[in-house]
Amino acid sequence: MTSHAAENLPGRPCSIAAALLVVGEKWALLAVRELLYGNHRFERIVQNTGAPRDRLTARLRALEEAGVIERRPYQERPLRYEYHLTEAGRELVPVTQALLSWGDRWLLPEPPVTLDHAPAGHHPHPLDPAWTCRTCGEEATGPDLTLRVNSPGWDRHGPVVE
């Protein structure tokens, strides 16, 4: 799944900017949230996001075109669809978890929802997410991270002037 629009973004070549073309609009990410919460039908997504119907329709169509969601028929007459996350959509879980954690910490006095973690054979407990490096198994924190720029003609400060 590549987007020609993402290849022609102004400014620094950036995967964040490319991702924001797909999920950077509020209604798109809130629709993904609802699918992660198990709400697959349009009416429920409209109700739970508060999105205008026409805007939500456009966002769902764009998410489908980008390969983030897929429509599945659930009724023949009249033909009606529900929405499900694809593999690409399910990989947005850490993004939504990060936004949830950040919003709980910095924006709201009480968390409106709590994610519980219940691995097989264990009792559920509140999720305390961490970013872990798969190579070394260590938690990745700000001081441990460095930026390597892979785009020709750019460094960490911007375009290279010769």
N, C-alpha and C. Protein backbone atom coordinates (compact mmCIF):
# COMPACT_ATOMS: atom_id res chain seq x y z
N MET A 1 0.85 -1.16 0.00
CA MET A 1 0.00 0.00 0.00
C MET A 1 0.89 1.23 0.00
N THR A 2 1.01 1.88 -1.13
CA THR A 2 1.75 3.14 -1.20
C THR A 2 0.84 4.18 -1.81
N SER A 3 1.09 5.40 -1.47
CA SER A 3 0.28 6.50 -1.97
C SER A 3 1.17 7.43 -2.77
N HIS A 4 0.76 7.67 -4.01
CA HIS A 4 1.54 8.62 -4.82
C HIS A 4 1.44 10.02 -4.23
N ALA A 5 0.31 10.34 -3.59
CA ALA A 5 0.17 11.65 -2.94
C ALA A 5 1.22 11.81 -1.85
N ALA A 6 1.50 10.72 -1.11
CA ALA A 6 2.49 10.78 -0.03
C ALA A 6 3.89 11.03 -0.58
N GLU A 7 4.16 10.53 -1.77
CA GLU A 7 5.49 10.72 -2.36
C GLU A 7 5.72 12.16 -2.78
N ASN A 8 4.66 12.93 -2.97
CA ASN A 8 4.77 14.30 -3.45
C ASN A 8 4.47 15.33 -2.37
N LEU A 9 4.58 14.96 -1.11
CA LEU A 9 4.34 15.91 -0.02
C LEU A 9 5.41 16.98 -0.01
N PRO A 10 5.03 18.23 0.28
CA PRO A 10 6.05 19.27 0.40
C PRO A 10 6.84 19.10 1.69
N GLY A 11 8.01 19.67 1.72
CA GLY A 11 8.83 19.61 2.92
C GLY A 11 9.61 18.33 3.03
N ARG A 12 10.02 18.02 4.26
CA ARG A 12 10.87 16.88 4.56
C ARG A 12 10.17 15.57 4.17
N PRO A 13 10.86 14.64 3.49
CA PRO A 13 10.30 13.31 3.28
C PRO A 13 10.04 12.68 4.65
N CYS A 14 8.79 12.24 4.88
CA CYS A 14 8.43 11.89 6.24
C CYS A 14 7.27 10.90 6.27
N SER A 15 7.46 9.78 6.96
CA SER A 15 6.40 8.79 7.10
C SER A 15 5.27 9.30 7.98
N ILE A 16 5.57 10.20 8.92
CA ILE A 16 4.51 10.79 9.75
C ILE A 16 3.56 11.59 8.86
N ALA A 17 4.12 12.42 8.00
CA ALA A 17 3.29 13.22 7.10
C ALA A 17 2.46 12.32 6.18
N ALA A 18 3.07 11.25 5.68
CA ALA A 18 2.34 10.31 4.81
C ALA A 18 1.20 9.64 5.57
N ALA A 19 1.46 9.24 6.81
CA ALA A 19 0.41 8.61 7.63
C ALA A 19 -0.72 9.58 7.92
N LEU A 20 -0.37 10.84 8.16
CA LEU A 20 -1.40 11.84 8.45
C LEU A 20 -2.31 12.10 7.26
N LEU A 21 -1.83 11.85 6.05
CA LEU A 21 -2.71 11.95 4.88
C LEU A 21 -3.88 10.97 5.00
N VAL A 22 -3.65 9.85 5.66
CA VAL A 22 -4.68 8.81 5.78
C VAL A 22 -5.47 8.94 7.07
N VAL A 23 -4.80 9.09 8.20
CA VAL A 23 -5.49 9.05 9.50
C VAL A 23 -5.36 10.36 10.29
N GLY A 24 -4.90 11.42 9.67
CA GLY A 24 -4.65 12.65 10.40
C GLY A 24 -5.86 13.53 10.63
N GLU A 25 -6.98 13.20 10.04
CA GLU A 25 -8.19 13.97 10.25
C GLU A 25 -8.96 13.34 11.41
N LYS A 26 -9.52 14.18 12.27
CA LYS A 26 -10.17 13.71 13.51
C LYS A 26 -11.16 12.58 13.28
N TRP A 27 -12.05 12.71 12.32
CA TRP A 27 -13.10 11.70 12.13
C TRP A 27 -12.52 10.37 11.67
N ALA A 28 -11.43 10.40 10.94
CA ALA A 28 -10.81 9.15 10.49
C ALA A 28 -10.29 8.36 11.68
N LEU A 29 -9.54 9.00 12.55
CA LEU A 29 -8.97 8.29 13.69
C LEU A 29 -10.04 7.89 14.70
N LEU A 30 -11.09 8.71 14.85
CA LEU A 30 -12.17 8.32 15.75
C LEU A 30 -12.96 7.14 15.19
N ALA A 31 -13.09 7.04 13.87
CA ALA A 31 -13.72 5.87 13.27
C ALA A 31 -12.88 4.62 13.54
N VAL A 32 -11.56 4.74 13.41
CA VAL A 32 -10.66 3.62 13.74
C VAL A 32 -10.84 3.24 15.20
N ARG A 33 -10.92 4.22 16.09
CA ARG A 33 -11.15 3.94 17.52
C ARG A 33 -12.40 3.10 17.71
N GLU A 34 -13.48 3.49 17.05
CA GLU A 34 -14.73 2.75 17.22
C GLU A 34 -14.62 1.32 16.71
N LEU A 35 -13.92 1.12 15.61
CA LEU A 35 -13.71 -0.24 15.10
C LEU A 35 -12.88 -1.05 16.09
N LEU A 36 -11.87 -0.42 16.69
CA LEU A 36 -11.07 -1.11 17.71
C LEU A 36 -11.92 -1.48 18.92
N TYR A 37 -12.93 -0.65 19.23
CA TYR A 37 -13.83 -0.91 20.36
C TYR A 37 -14.90 -1.94 20.00
N GLY A 38 -14.93 -2.39 18.73
CA GLY A 38 -15.88 -3.42 18.33
C GLY A 38 -17.17 -2.91 17.72
N ASN A 39 -17.23 -1.63 17.40
CA ASN A 39 -18.42 -1.05 16.76
C ASN A 39 -18.20 -1.00 15.26
N HIS A 40 -18.92 -1.83 14.52
CA HIS A 40 -18.64 -2.01 13.10
C HIS A 40 -19.69 -1.41 12.18
N ARG A 41 -20.83 -1.02 12.71
CA ARG A 41 -21.90 -0.52 11.85
C ARG A 41 -21.91 1.00 11.83
N PHE A 42 -22.27 1.52 10.65
CA PHE A 42 -22.22 2.96 10.40
C PHE A 42 -22.98 3.75 11.46
N GLU A 43 -24.20 3.36 11.78
CA GLU A 43 -25.01 4.12 12.74
C GLU A 43 -24.32 4.23 14.10
N ARG A 44 -23.72 3.15 14.54
CA ARG A 44 -23.03 3.17 15.84
C ARG A 44 -21.79 4.06 15.77
N ILE A 45 -21.07 4.00 14.64
CA ILE A 45 -19.87 4.83 14.49
C ILE A 45 -20.25 6.31 14.48
N VAL A 46 -21.34 6.66 13.77
CA VAL A 46 -21.82 8.04 13.76
C VAL A 46 -22.17 8.48 15.18
N GLN A 47 -22.94 7.65 15.87
CA GLN A 47 -23.38 7.98 17.23
C GLN A 47 -22.20 8.20 18.17
N ASN A 48 -21.22 7.32 18.12
CA ASN A 48 -20.12 7.35 19.09
C ASN A 48 -19.02 8.34 18.76
N THR A 49 -18.92 8.76 17.51
CA THR A 49 -17.91 9.75 17.15
C THR A 49 -18.48 11.17 17.16
N GLY A 50 -19.78 11.29 16.92
CA GLY A 50 -20.39 12.61 16.78
C GLY A 50 -20.10 13.24 15.43
N ALA A 51 -19.58 12.46 14.50
CA ALA A 51 -19.21 12.97 13.18
C ALA A 51 -20.46 13.25 12.34
N PRO A 52 -20.43 14.31 11.53
CA PRO A 52 -21.49 14.50 10.55
C PRO A 52 -21.49 13.30 9.59
N ARG A 53 -22.67 12.84 9.23
CA ARG A 53 -22.80 11.63 8.41
C ARG A 53 -21.99 11.71 7.11
N ASP A 54 -22.07 12.87 6.43
CA ASP A 54 -21.37 13.00 5.15
C ASP A 54 -19.85 12.97 5.34
N ARG A 55 -19.36 13.60 6.41
CA ARG A 55 -17.92 13.58 6.68
C ARG A 55 -17.44 12.18 7.02
N LEU A 56 -18.23 11.48 7.85
CA LEU A 56 -17.86 10.12 8.22
C LEU A 56 -17.86 9.21 7.00
N THR A 57 -18.85 9.35 6.15
CA THR A 57 -18.90 8.55 4.92
C THR A 57 -17.63 8.77 4.10
N ALA A 58 -17.23 10.03 3.95
CA ALA A 58 -16.02 10.34 3.18
C ALA A 58 -14.78 9.76 3.85
N ARG A 59 -14.69 9.84 5.17
CA ARG A 59 -13.52 9.30 5.87
C ARG A 59 -13.46 7.79 5.76
N LEU A 60 -14.60 7.12 5.92
CA LEU A 60 -14.61 5.66 5.80
C LEU A 60 -14.21 5.24 4.38
N ARG A 61 -14.68 5.96 3.39
CA ARG A 61 -14.32 5.65 2.00
C ARG A 61 -12.80 5.82 1.81
N ALA A 62 -12.25 6.90 2.34
CA ALA A 62 -10.80 7.14 2.21
C ALA A 62 -9.99 6.08 2.95
N LEU A 63 -10.45 5.68 4.14
CA LEU A 63 -9.77 4.62 4.89
C LEU A 63 -9.82 3.30 4.13
N GLU A 64 -10.94 3.04 3.48
CA GLU A 64 -11.05 1.81 2.68
C GLU A 64 -10.10 1.87 1.48
N GLU A 65 -10.06 3.00 0.80
CA GLU A 65 -9.16 3.15 -0.36
C GLU A 65 -7.70 3.02 0.05
N ALA A 66 -7.37 3.44 1.26
CA ALA A 66 -5.99 3.36 1.75
C ALA A 66 -5.65 1.97 2.30
N GLY A 67 -6.64 1.08 2.37
CA GLY A 67 -6.38 -0.28 2.85
C GLY A 67 -6.38 -0.40 4.36
N VAL A 68 -6.95 0.58 5.07
CA VAL A 68 -6.99 0.56 6.53
C VAL A 68 -8.21 -0.21 7.03
N ILE A 69 -9.32 -0.11 6.30
CA ILE A 69 -10.54 -0.83 6.66
C ILE A 69 -11.08 -1.54 5.43
N GLU A 70 -12.00 -2.46 5.68
CA GLU A 70 -12.71 -3.13 4.60
C GLU A 70 -14.19 -3.19 4.95
N ARG A 71 -15.02 -3.17 3.92
CA ARG A 71 -16.46 -3.31 4.12
C ARG A 71 -16.84 -4.77 3.93
N ARG A 72 -17.76 -5.24 4.79
CA ARG A 72 -18.28 -6.60 4.67
C ARG A 72 -19.80 -6.53 4.73
N PRO A 73 -20.48 -7.19 3.78
CA PRO A 73 -21.95 -7.15 3.83
C PRO A 73 -22.47 -7.93 5.04
N TYR A 74 -23.50 -7.38 5.69
CA TYR A 74 -24.14 -8.09 6.79
C TYR A 74 -25.63 -8.26 6.54
N GLN A 75 -26.16 -7.62 5.48
CA GLN A 75 -27.58 -7.73 5.16
C GLN A 75 -27.74 -7.66 3.65
N GLU A 76 -28.62 -8.53 3.12
CA GLU A 76 -28.83 -8.60 1.67
C GLU A 76 -29.81 -7.55 1.16
N ARG A 77 -30.99 -7.46 1.79
CA ARG A 77 -32.06 -6.57 1.30
C ARG A 77 -32.55 -5.67 2.40
N PRO A 78 -32.27 -4.42 2.35
CA PRO A 78 -31.34 -3.78 1.41
C PRO A 78 -29.90 -4.14 1.78
N LEU A 79 -29.04 -4.04 0.80
CA LEU A 79 -27.63 -4.37 1.01
C LEU A 79 -27.02 -3.37 1.98
N ARG A 80 -26.47 -3.89 3.08
CA ARG A 80 -25.82 -3.05 4.09
C ARG A 80 -24.48 -3.66 4.46
N TYR A 81 -23.56 -2.77 4.80
CA TYR A 81 -22.20 -3.19 5.11
C TYR A 81 -21.83 -2.79 6.53
N GLU A 82 -20.88 -3.53 7.08
CA GLU A 82 -20.23 -3.10 8.30
C GLU A 82 -18.74 -2.97 7.98
N TYR A 83 -18.03 -2.31 8.86
CA TYR A 83 -16.62 -1.98 8.61
C TYR A 83 -15.73 -2.75 9.57
N HIS A 84 -14.60 -3.23 9.04
CA HIS A 84 -13.63 -3.97 9.84
C HIS A 84 -12.22 -3.49 9.50
N LEU A 85 -11.35 -3.52 10.49
CA LEU A 85 -9.97 -3.13 10.28
C LEU A 85 -9.23 -4.22 9.51
N THR A 86 -8.37 -3.81 8.61
CA THR A 86 -7.45 -4.72 7.94
C THR A 86 -6.22 -4.88 8.83
N GLU A 87 -5.24 -5.62 8.36
CA GLU A 87 -3.98 -5.72 9.10
C GLU A 87 -3.37 -4.34 9.31
N ALA A 88 -3.40 -3.51 8.26
CA ALA A 88 -2.86 -2.14 8.38
C ALA A 88 -3.63 -1.35 9.43
N GLY A 89 -4.93 -1.52 9.49
CA GLY A 89 -5.74 -0.83 10.49
C GLY A 89 -5.46 -1.31 11.90
N ARG A 90 -5.29 -2.62 12.06
CA ARG A 90 -5.00 -3.16 13.39
C ARG A 90 -3.63 -2.69 13.89
N GLU A 91 -2.74 -2.37 12.98
CA GLU A 91 -1.43 -1.87 13.39
C GLU A 91 -1.49 -0.42 13.89
N LEU A 92 -2.67 0.19 13.85
CA LEU A 92 -2.85 1.51 14.44
C LEU A 92 -3.13 1.43 15.94
N VAL A 93 -3.24 0.23 16.50
CA VAL A 93 -3.49 0.08 17.94
C VAL A 93 -2.47 0.87 18.77
N PRO A 94 -1.17 0.76 18.53
CA PRO A 94 -0.24 1.54 19.36
C PRO A 94 -0.44 3.05 19.24
N VAL A 95 -0.87 3.51 18.06
CA VAL A 95 -1.12 4.94 17.87
C VAL A 95 -2.28 5.37 18.76
N THR A 96 -3.37 4.60 18.73
CA THR A 96 -4.53 4.95 19.54
C THR A 96 -4.20 4.82 21.03
N GLN A 97 -3.42 3.81 21.40
CA GLN A 97 -3.00 3.66 22.80
C GLN A 97 -2.18 4.85 23.26
N ALA A 98 -1.29 5.32 22.40
CA ALA A 98 -0.45 6.46 22.77
C ALA A 98 -1.30 7.72 22.94
N LEU A 99 -2.25 7.94 22.04
CA LEU A 99 -3.12 9.11 22.17
C LEU A 99 -4.00 9.00 23.40
N LEU A 100 -4.49 7.80 23.69
CA LEU A 100 -5.31 7.58 24.89
C LEU A 100 -4.50 7.89 26.14
N SER A 101 -3.31 7.34 26.23
CA SER A 101 -2.46 7.57 27.41
C SER A 101 -2.10 9.04 27.56
N TRP A 102 -1.76 9.70 26.46
CA TRP A 102 -1.40 11.10 26.51
C TRP A 102 -2.60 11.95 26.94
N GLY A 103 -3.77 11.68 26.36
CA GLY A 103 -4.97 12.42 26.74
C GLY A 103 -5.35 12.21 28.19
N ASP A 104 -5.21 10.96 28.69
CA ASP A 104 -5.49 10.69 30.11
C ASP A 104 -4.54 11.48 31.00
N ARG A 105 -3.28 11.55 30.61
CA ARG A 105 -2.28 12.21 31.47
C ARG A 105 -2.36 13.73 31.43
N TRP A 106 -2.61 14.29 30.25
CA TRP A 106 -2.47 15.73 30.09
C TRP A 106 -3.77 16.50 29.87
N LEU A 107 -4.87 15.83 29.53
CA LEU A 107 -6.05 16.59 29.13
C LEU A 107 -7.30 16.37 29.99
N LEU A 108 -7.49 15.20 30.54
CA LEU A 108 -8.72 14.90 31.25
C LEU A 108 -8.45 14.58 32.72
N PRO A 109 -9.34 15.01 33.62
CA PRO A 109 -9.11 14.74 35.04
C PRO A 109 -9.26 13.25 35.39
N GLU A 110 -10.12 12.54 34.68
CA GLU A 110 -10.33 11.10 34.90
C GLU A 110 -10.39 10.39 33.55
N PRO A 111 -9.75 9.24 33.42
CA PRO A 111 -9.81 8.50 32.16
C PRO A 111 -11.24 8.02 31.87
N PRO A 112 -11.80 8.34 30.69
CA PRO A 112 -13.13 7.88 30.34
C PRO A 112 -13.19 6.37 30.09
N VAL A 113 -12.08 5.77 29.68
CA VAL A 113 -11.99 4.32 29.49
C VAL A 113 -10.62 3.88 29.98
N THR A 114 -10.52 2.61 30.29
CA THR A 114 -9.23 2.02 30.68
C THR A 114 -9.03 0.76 29.85
N LEU A 115 -7.86 0.61 29.30
CA LEU A 115 -7.53 -0.61 28.59
C LEU A 115 -6.95 -1.61 29.58
N ASP A 116 -7.56 -2.79 29.60
CA ASP A 116 -7.04 -3.86 30.45
C ASP A 116 -6.27 -4.85 29.59
N HIS A 117 -5.24 -5.41 30.16
CA HIS A 117 -4.41 -6.42 29.51
C HIS A 117 -4.68 -7.75 30.20
N ALA A 118 -5.04 -8.76 29.42
CA ALA A 118 -5.38 -10.06 29.99
C ALA A 118 -4.71 -11.17 29.18
N PRO A 119 -3.39 -11.36 29.36
CA PRO A 119 -2.73 -12.46 28.64
C PRO A 119 -3.27 -13.80 29.13
N ALA A 120 -3.17 -14.80 28.29
CA ALA A 120 -3.68 -16.13 28.63
C ALA A 120 -3.13 -16.59 29.97
N GLY A 121 -4.04 -17.04 30.84
CA GLY A 121 -3.63 -17.56 32.13
C GLY A 121 -3.41 -16.51 33.21
N HIS A 122 -3.66 -15.25 32.90
CA HIS A 122 -3.46 -14.17 33.87
C HIS A 122 -4.76 -13.40 34.07
N HIS A 123 -4.88 -12.78 35.21
CA HIS A 123 -6.03 -11.92 35.48
C HIS A 123 -5.86 -10.59 34.76
N PRO A 124 -6.97 -10.00 34.31
CA PRO A 124 -6.87 -8.69 33.66
C PRO A 124 -6.30 -7.65 34.61
N HIS A 125 -5.50 -6.75 34.05
CA HIS A 125 -4.94 -5.64 34.82
C HIS A 125 -4.85 -4.43 33.88
N PRO A 126 -4.85 -3.22 34.43
CA PRO A 126 -4.75 -2.04 33.56
C PRO A 126 -3.46 -2.09 32.74
N LEU A 127 -3.58 -1.79 31.47
CA LEU A 127 -2.43 -1.77 30.58
C LEU A 127 -1.52 -0.60 30.92
N ASP A 128 -0.25 -0.88 31.05
CA ASP A 128 0.77 0.14 31.23
C ASP A 128 1.72 -0.01 30.04
N PRO A 129 1.38 0.62 28.89
CA PRO A 129 2.15 0.38 27.68
C PRO A 129 3.54 0.99 27.74
N ALA A 130 4.47 0.32 27.06
CA ALA A 130 5.83 0.82 26.91
C ALA A 130 6.27 0.52 25.49
N TRP A 131 7.18 1.31 25.00
CA TRP A 131 7.74 1.10 23.67
C TRP A 131 9.00 0.30 23.86
N THR A 132 8.99 -0.93 23.33
CA THR A 132 10.11 -1.85 23.54
C THR A 132 10.77 -2.17 22.21
N CYS A 133 12.08 -2.18 22.20
CA CYS A 133 12.85 -2.53 21.00
C CYS A 133 12.82 -4.04 20.82
N ARG A 134 12.39 -4.49 19.64
CA ARG A 134 12.33 -5.93 19.36
C ARG A 134 13.72 -6.54 19.19
N THR A 135 14.71 -5.75 18.85
CA THR A 135 16.06 -6.26 18.65
C THR A 135 16.72 -6.62 19.98
N CYS A 136 16.67 -5.69 20.94
CA CYS A 136 17.39 -5.93 22.19
C CYS A 136 16.47 -6.21 23.38
N GLY A 137 15.16 -5.97 23.23
CA GLY A 137 14.22 -6.23 24.31
C GLY A 137 14.14 -5.14 25.36
N GLU A 138 14.90 -4.06 25.19
CA GLU A 138 14.92 -2.97 26.17
C GLU A 138 13.82 -1.96 25.85
N GLU A 139 13.34 -1.27 26.90
CA GLU A 139 12.38 -0.19 26.69
C GLU A 139 13.10 0.96 26.00
N ALA A 140 12.45 1.53 24.97
CA ALA A 140 13.03 2.64 24.22
C ALA A 140 12.51 3.94 24.82
N THR A 141 13.43 4.78 25.28
CA THR A 141 13.06 6.07 25.87
C THR A 141 13.77 7.18 25.12
N GLY A 142 13.31 8.40 25.31
CA GLY A 142 13.88 9.56 24.62
C GLY A 142 15.38 9.64 24.60
N PRO A 143 16.06 9.55 25.75
CA PRO A 143 17.52 9.70 25.75
C PRO A 143 18.24 8.60 24.96
N ASP A 144 17.59 7.45 24.78
CA ASP A 144 18.22 6.33 24.07
C ASP A 144 18.06 6.42 22.55
N LEU A 145 17.24 7.32 22.08
CA LEU A 145 16.90 7.37 20.66
C LEU A 145 17.71 8.42 19.93
N THR A 146 18.18 8.08 18.74
CA THR A 146 18.85 9.04 17.87
C THR A 146 18.19 8.97 16.50
N LEU A 147 18.28 10.03 15.77
CA LEU A 147 17.66 10.14 14.45
C LEU A 147 18.70 9.87 13.38
N ARG A 148 18.39 8.95 12.46
CA ARG A 148 19.23 8.71 11.30
C ARG A 148 18.41 9.12 10.07
N VAL A 149 18.87 10.08 9.33
CA VAL A 149 18.16 10.58 8.16
C VAL A 149 18.57 9.76 6.95
N ASN A 150 17.59 9.16 6.26
CA ASN A 150 17.85 8.29 5.11
C ASN A 150 17.53 8.95 3.77
N SER A 151 16.92 10.13 3.80
CA SER A 151 16.53 10.81 2.56
C SER A 151 17.69 11.62 2.01
N PRO A 152 18.09 11.36 0.77
CA PRO A 152 19.19 12.13 0.17
C PRO A 152 18.86 13.62 0.15
N GLY A 153 19.86 14.44 0.47
CA GLY A 153 19.69 15.88 0.44
C GLY A 153 19.11 16.47 1.72
N TRP A 154 18.94 15.64 2.75
CA TRP A 154 18.38 16.11 4.02
C TRP A 154 19.25 15.67 5.18
N ASP A 155 19.29 16.51 6.23
CA ASP A 155 19.84 16.08 7.50
C ASP A 155 18.81 16.41 8.57
N ARG A 156 19.15 16.23 9.83
CA ARG A 156 18.16 16.43 10.87
C ARG A 156 17.65 17.85 10.97
N HIS A 157 18.42 18.82 10.46
CA HIS A 157 18.02 20.22 10.54
C HIS A 157 17.18 20.65 9.35
N GLY A 158 17.19 19.88 8.26
CA GLY A 158 16.43 20.23 7.06
C GLY A 158 17.22 19.94 5.81
N PRO A 159 16.88 20.63 4.72
CA PRO A 159 17.61 20.38 3.46
C PRO A 159 19.07 20.74 3.61
N VAL A 160 19.91 19.91 3.02
CA VAL A 160 21.37 20.15 3.06
C VAL A 160 21.68 21.21 1.99
N VAL A 161 22.34 22.25 2.43
CA VAL A 161 22.73 23.33 1.51
C VAL A 161 24.21 23.11 1.19
N GLU A 162 24.49 22.99 -0.09
CA GLU A 162 25.88 22.76 -0.50
C GLU A 162 26.48 23.97 -1.13
